[in-house]
Protein backbone atom coordinates (compact mmCIF):
# COMPACT_ATOMS: atom_id res chain seq x y z
CA MET A 1 86.87 71.64 95.10
CA ASP A 2 84.99 68.91 96.92
CA GLY A 3 88.11 66.74 97.24
CA ILE A 4 86.82 64.05 94.94
CA THR A 5 85.78 65.08 91.44
CA THR A 6 84.46 68.63 91.24
CA VAL A 7 86.76 71.63 90.84
CA GLU A 8 85.31 75.04 91.63
CA PRO A 9 86.89 78.45 90.94
CA LYS A 10 85.60 79.89 94.20
CA THR A 11 87.78 81.65 96.76
CA TRP A 12 86.52 81.90 100.33
CA GLU A 13 87.61 84.05 103.27
CA TYR A 14 86.79 83.14 106.86
CA ASP A 15 85.57 85.88 109.20
CA PRO A 16 86.20 84.64 112.77
CA GLU A 17 84.21 87.48 114.37
CA LYS A 18 81.05 86.47 112.50
CA ASP A 19 82.03 82.78 112.30
CA ALA A 20 81.16 82.94 108.61
CA TRP A 21 82.71 82.30 105.22
CA ASN A 22 82.54 85.04 102.55
CA GLN A 23 82.94 84.34 98.86
CA LYS A 24 85.65 86.35 97.09
CA ALA A 25 86.91 86.72 93.51
CA GLU A 26 87.06 83.49 91.51
CA LEU A 27 90.31 81.93 90.34
CA ASP A 28 90.16 81.49 86.57
CA PRO A 29 90.65 78.86 85.37
CA ALA A 30 89.43 76.60 88.16
CA ARG A 31 91.89 73.86 89.06
CA GLY A 32 92.53 71.20 91.66
CA GLY A 33 95.65 69.84 93.31
CA LEU A 34 97.44 73.17 93.41
CA ALA A 35 100.06 74.31 95.90
CA GLY A 36 99.75 77.52 97.88
CA ALA A 37 101.66 79.90 100.11
CA VAL A 38 101.16 83.32 101.70
CA LEU A 39 103.69 86.05 100.96
CA GLN A 40 103.36 89.76 101.76
CA ASN A 41 99.63 89.46 102.53
CA ARG A 42 98.91 87.76 99.21
CA LEU A 43 97.84 84.18 98.61
CA LEU A 44 100.06 82.59 95.95
CA VAL A 45 98.92 79.46 94.12
CA PHE A 46 101.15 77.35 91.95
CA GLY A 47 100.06 75.06 89.12
CA GLY A 48 97.14 72.75 89.59
CA GLU A 49 95.46 69.91 87.76
CA GLY A 50 92.76 69.89 85.10
CA ASN A 51 94.43 71.72 82.19
CA PRO A 52 92.80 70.47 78.96
CA ALA A 53 95.47 72.04 76.71
CA ALA A 54 97.47 69.74 74.47
CA MET A 55 100.99 68.92 75.72
CA SER A 56 100.13 70.12 79.24
CA ASN A 57 99.96 66.66 80.85
CA GLY A 58 96.84 68.06 82.52
CA VAL A 59 98.86 70.50 84.64
CA TYR A 60 98.58 74.29 84.72
CA PRO A 61 101.95 76.11 84.74
CA ASP A 62 100.49 79.34 86.16
CA ILE A 63 101.54 81.15 89.31
CA ASP A 64 98.66 83.37 90.50
CA ALA A 65 98.37 85.81 93.39
CA TYR A 66 95.21 86.78 95.26
CA ASP A 67 95.22 90.25 96.84
CA PRO A 68 92.59 90.47 99.59
CA ALA A 69 92.83 94.28 99.65
CA THR A 70 91.53 94.51 96.06
CA ASP A 71 89.74 91.12 95.92
CA THR A 72 91.53 90.27 92.66
CA TRP A 73 93.56 87.43 91.19
CA THR A 74 96.58 88.25 89.00
CA GLN A 75 98.82 85.88 87.11
CA ILE A 76 102.34 86.79 88.23
CA GLY A 77 104.32 84.15 86.37
CA THR A 78 104.55 80.61 85.15
CA MET A 79 106.59 77.56 86.00
CA ASP A 80 107.50 77.07 82.33
CA GLY A 81 111.07 77.57 81.23
CA GLY A 82 112.80 76.91 84.54
CA GLY A 83 111.43 79.98 86.31
CA ALA A 84 110.46 77.91 89.33
CA ILE A 85 111.92 75.08 91.32
CA TYR A 86 109.45 72.48 92.42
CA SER A 87 109.30 69.01 93.86
CA ILE A 88 106.85 66.26 93.04
CA GLY A 89 106.24 62.79 94.31
CA CYS A 90 106.75 62.03 97.97
CA THR A 91 105.93 58.40 98.70
CA GLY A 92 105.93 56.42 101.89
CA HIS A 93 107.50 58.50 104.62
CA GLY A 94 105.94 61.62 103.10
CA VAL A 95 106.47 64.13 105.91
CA ALA A 96 110.17 63.37 106.27
CA MET A 97 110.65 63.38 102.50
CA THR A 98 108.75 66.66 102.12
CA GLN A 99 110.96 68.30 104.75
CA MET A 100 114.07 67.04 102.99
CA ASN A 101 112.71 68.26 99.64
CA GLY A 102 112.18 71.69 101.18
CA ARG A 103 115.79 71.83 102.37
CA ILE A 104 117.05 70.74 98.94
CA ILE A 105 114.92 73.38 97.20
CA ARG A 106 116.14 76.02 99.67
CA ASP A 107 119.77 75.14 98.92
CA LEU A 108 119.15 75.14 95.16
CA VAL A 109 117.41 78.53 95.25
CA LEU A 110 120.22 80.01 97.35
CA ASP A 111 122.78 78.41 94.99
CA ARG A 112 124.37 76.47 97.85
CA LYS A 113 126.37 73.33 97.14
CA THR A 114 125.52 70.93 99.97
CA GLN A 115 125.45 67.22 100.62
CA LEU A 116 121.72 67.32 99.85
CA THR A 117 122.13 69.07 96.49
CA ASP A 118 124.83 66.53 95.58
CA SER A 119 122.36 63.65 96.04
CA TRP A 120 122.12 61.47 92.94
CA PHE A 121 118.40 62.15 92.41
CA VAL A 122 118.54 65.97 92.43
CA ASN A 123 117.74 67.50 89.01
CA GLN A 124 117.07 64.09 87.47
CA ARG A 125 114.22 63.35 85.12
CA ILE A 126 111.51 61.20 86.64
CA LEU A 127 110.83 57.75 85.31
CA PRO A 128 107.38 57.20 83.86
CA MET A 129 105.09 54.93 85.84
CA PRO A 130 105.05 51.39 84.48
CA PRO A 131 101.81 49.96 83.10
CA GLU A 132 99.63 47.56 85.09
CA PRO A 133 100.21 44.93 86.44
CA LEU A 134 103.82 46.09 86.93
CA LEU A 135 102.64 49.27 88.66
CA SER A 136 100.72 47.32 91.32
CA MET A 137 103.64 44.96 91.91
CA ALA A 138 106.10 47.84 92.20
CA THR A 139 103.82 49.72 94.58
CA ARG A 140 103.39 46.66 96.81
CA SER A 141 107.16 46.04 96.76
CA VAL A 142 107.94 49.59 97.87
CA ALA A 143 105.26 49.47 100.61
CA THR A 144 106.62 46.13 101.86
CA ALA A 145 110.20 47.41 101.88
CA MET A 146 109.14 50.47 103.90
CA ALA A 147 107.20 48.28 106.38
CA VAL A 148 110.27 46.07 106.83
CA ASP A 149 112.43 49.18 107.34
CA ASP A 150 109.97 50.51 109.94
CA TRP A 151 109.97 47.14 111.72
CA TRP A 152 113.78 47.02 111.67
CA CYS A 153 114.17 50.56 113.01
CA ASP A 154 111.50 50.03 115.71
CA ARG A 155 113.20 46.75 116.69
CA GLY A 156 116.52 48.54 117.11
CA GLN A 157 114.98 51.23 119.30
CA ALA A 158 113.26 48.64 121.49
CA GLN A 159 116.57 46.82 122.06
CA GLY A 160 118.68 49.80 122.59
């Protein structure tokens, strides 16, 4: 994927001794915007964008694993039917929110009842984005509120 418009199914492996990239088995179907992790020497990829299927909202539900020992991709599951816990949509203070989302997901997976899992927004349906021009106004309002919050917090640290 070139990061803008083109999605490629190619998988590449870096060889630091030769300072070279080697092409490996292709991920089929190709997709962009997917999430990944490494577990037990396998590359796991979750979901991704570009699904043309009806009722998919453009998102692939697949969970695929790449095994470098055999140079193969295998679908190992899907995120349909509640088989996976996932988080979408971190805005503004993204790093802090992503870390908090990770702790919430951890507690949910381990079936822990914590202050985080009792938050009002956990396991709630998302609201659809409003149409323009409301979307632009809402986005600017949120960005302004976060800038004011940053200013307020920075002001407090400078005084104290």
